[in-house]
Amino acid sequence: MSTTGADDRAGRYARRLRRLAAVTLVVHAALAALVYRDAAGRDVSGARWAAFTLLGGLLGVAGYLRRR
């Protein structure tokens, strides 16, 4: 019995997960940079809001927009 098909499916799944994680990281980093720049221009703690955004993504952005 060959497990080549199962191994191939598992490999494709792993690649998709890595790609999704990479895209998510890039989007979170871009959002954090935008929030940091905006917060620094408003004399608010840019680093704190950037960290929230980096960790929380859209929830961090929503929190920042609500508080600004």
C-alpha atoms as a PDB file:
ATOM      1  CA  MET A   1       0.000   0.000   0.000  1.00  0.00           C
ATOM      2  CA  SER A   2       1.422   3.372  -1.015  1.00  0.00           C
ATOM      3  CA  THR A   3       1.083   6.538   1.043  1.00  0.00           C
ATOM      4  CA  THR A   4       2.312   8.804  -1.734  1.00  0.00           C
ATOM      5  CA  GLY A   5      -1.127  10.323  -2.308  1.00  0.00           C
ATOM      6  CA  ALA A   6      -1.626  11.065   1.376  1.00  0.00           C
ATOM      7  CA  ASP A   7       1.887  12.490   1.656  1.00  0.00           C
ATOM      8  CA  ASP A   8       1.267  14.689  -1.377  1.00  0.00           C
ATOM      9  CA  ARG A   9      -1.989  16.016   0.073  1.00  0.00           C
ATOM     10  CA  ALA A  10      -0.321  16.686   3.414  1.00  0.00           C
ATOM     11  CA  GLY A  11       2.497  18.541   1.666  1.00  0.00           C
ATOM     12  CA  ARG A  12       0.076  20.713  -0.292  1.00  0.00           C
ATOM     13  CA  TYR A  13      -1.872  21.455   2.873  1.00  0.00           C
ATOM     14  CA  ALA A  14       1.325  22.428   4.715  1.00  0.00           C
ATOM     15  CA  ARG A  15       2.379  24.739   1.866  1.00  0.00           C
ATOM     16  CA  ARG A  16      -1.035  26.419   1.871  1.00  0.00           C
ATOM     17  CA  LEU A  17      -0.846  26.950   5.624  1.00  0.00           C
ATOM     18  CA  ARG A  18       2.635  28.475   5.318  1.00  0.00           C
ATOM     19  CA  ARG A  19       1.435  30.759   2.525  1.00  0.00           C
ATOM     20  CA  LEU A  20      -1.589  31.833   4.579  1.00  0.00           C
ATOM     21  CA  ALA A  21       0.618  32.524   7.601  1.00  0.00           C
ATOM     22  CA  ALA A  22       3.025  34.587   5.478  1.00  0.00           C
ATOM     23  CA  VAL A  23       0.227  36.653   3.924  1.00  0.00           C
ATOM     24  CA  THR A  24      -1.328  37.198   7.357  1.00  0.00           C
ATOM     25  CA  LEU A  25       2.009  38.355   8.765  1.00  0.00           C
ATOM     26  CA  VAL A  26       2.543  40.796   5.889  1.00  0.00           C
ATOM     27  CA  VAL A  27      -0.974  42.241   6.233  1.00  0.00           C
ATOM     28  CA  HIS A  28      -0.629  42.615  10.014  1.00  0.00           C
ATOM     29  CA  ALA A  29       2.768  44.300   9.612  1.00  0.00           C
ATOM     30  CA  ALA A  30       1.411  46.716   6.987  1.00  0.00           C
ATOM     31  CA  LEU A  31      -1.583  47.591   9.168  1.00  0.00           C
ATOM     32  CA  ALA A  32       0.691  48.077  12.193  1.00  0.00           C
ATOM     33  CA  ALA A  33       2.939  50.429  10.198  1.00  0.00           C
ATOM     34  CA  LEU A  34      -0.045  52.490   9.062  1.00  0.00           C
ATOM     35  CA  VAL A  35      -1.463  52.688  12.588  1.00  0.00           C
ATOM     36  CA  TYR A  36       1.958  53.618  13.990  1.00  0.00           C
ATOM     37  CA  ARG A  37       2.376  56.423  11.478  1.00  0.00           C
ATOM     38  CA  ASP A  38      -1.106  57.787  12.132  1.00  0.00           C
ATOM     39  CA  ALA A  39      -0.791  57.505  15.922  1.00  0.00           C
ATOM     40  CA  ALA A  40       2.618  59.195  15.942  1.00  0.00           C
ATOM     41  CA  GLY A  41       1.132  62.092  13.976  1.00  0.00           C
ATOM     42  CA  ARG A  42      -1.595  62.448  16.616  1.00  0.00           C
ATOM     43  CA  ASP A  43       0.809  62.366  19.598  1.00  0.00           C
ATOM     44  CA  VAL A  44      -0.588  59.037  20.780  1.00  0.00           C
ATOM     45  CA  SER A  45       1.530  56.025  21.760  1.00  0.00           C
ATOM     46  CA  GLY A  46       2.276  54.723  18.277  1.00  0.00           C
ATOM     47  CA  ALA A  47       4.315  51.758  19.478  1.00  0.00           C
ATOM     48  CA  ARG A  48       1.553  50.517  21.767  1.00  0.00           C
ATOM     49  CA  TRP A  49      -1.116  50.719  19.074  1.00  0.00           C
ATOM     50  CA  ALA A  50       1.202  49.172  16.501  1.00  0.00           C
ATOM     51  CA  ALA A  51       1.803  46.239  18.864  1.00  0.00           C
ATOM     52  CA  PHE A  52      -1.947  45.795  19.395  1.00  0.00           C
ATOM     53  CA  THR A  53      -2.464  45.888  15.643  1.00  0.00           C
ATOM     54  CA  LEU A  54       0.389  43.482  14.947  1.00  0.00           C
ATOM     55  CA  LEU A  55      -1.072  40.972  17.380  1.00  0.00           C
ATOM     56  CA  GLY A  56      -4.768  41.567  16.741  1.00  0.00           C
ATOM     57  CA  GLY A  57      -4.909  42.524  13.077  1.00  0.00           C
ATOM     58  CA  LEU A  58      -8.232  44.062  12.174  1.00  0.00           C
ATOM     59  CA  LEU A  59      -9.357  44.011  15.807  1.00  0.00           C
ATOM     60  CA  GLY A  60      -6.356  46.175  16.710  1.00  0.00           C
ATOM     61  CA  VAL A  61      -7.143  48.581  13.879  1.00  0.00           C
ATOM     62  CA  ALA A  62     -10.788  48.740  14.957  1.00  0.00           C
ATOM     63  CA  GLY A  63      -9.747  49.463  18.543  1.00  0.00           C
ATOM     64  CA  TYR A  64      -7.399  52.209  17.408  1.00  0.00           C
ATOM     65  CA  LEU A  65     -10.002  53.802  15.162  1.00  0.00           C
ATOM     66  CA  ARG A  66     -12.520  53.700  17.976  1.00  0.00           C
ATOM     67  CA  ARG A  67     -10.118  55.362  20.440  1.00  0.00           C
ATOM     68  CA  ARG A  68      -8.708  58.049  18.179  1.00  0.00           C
END
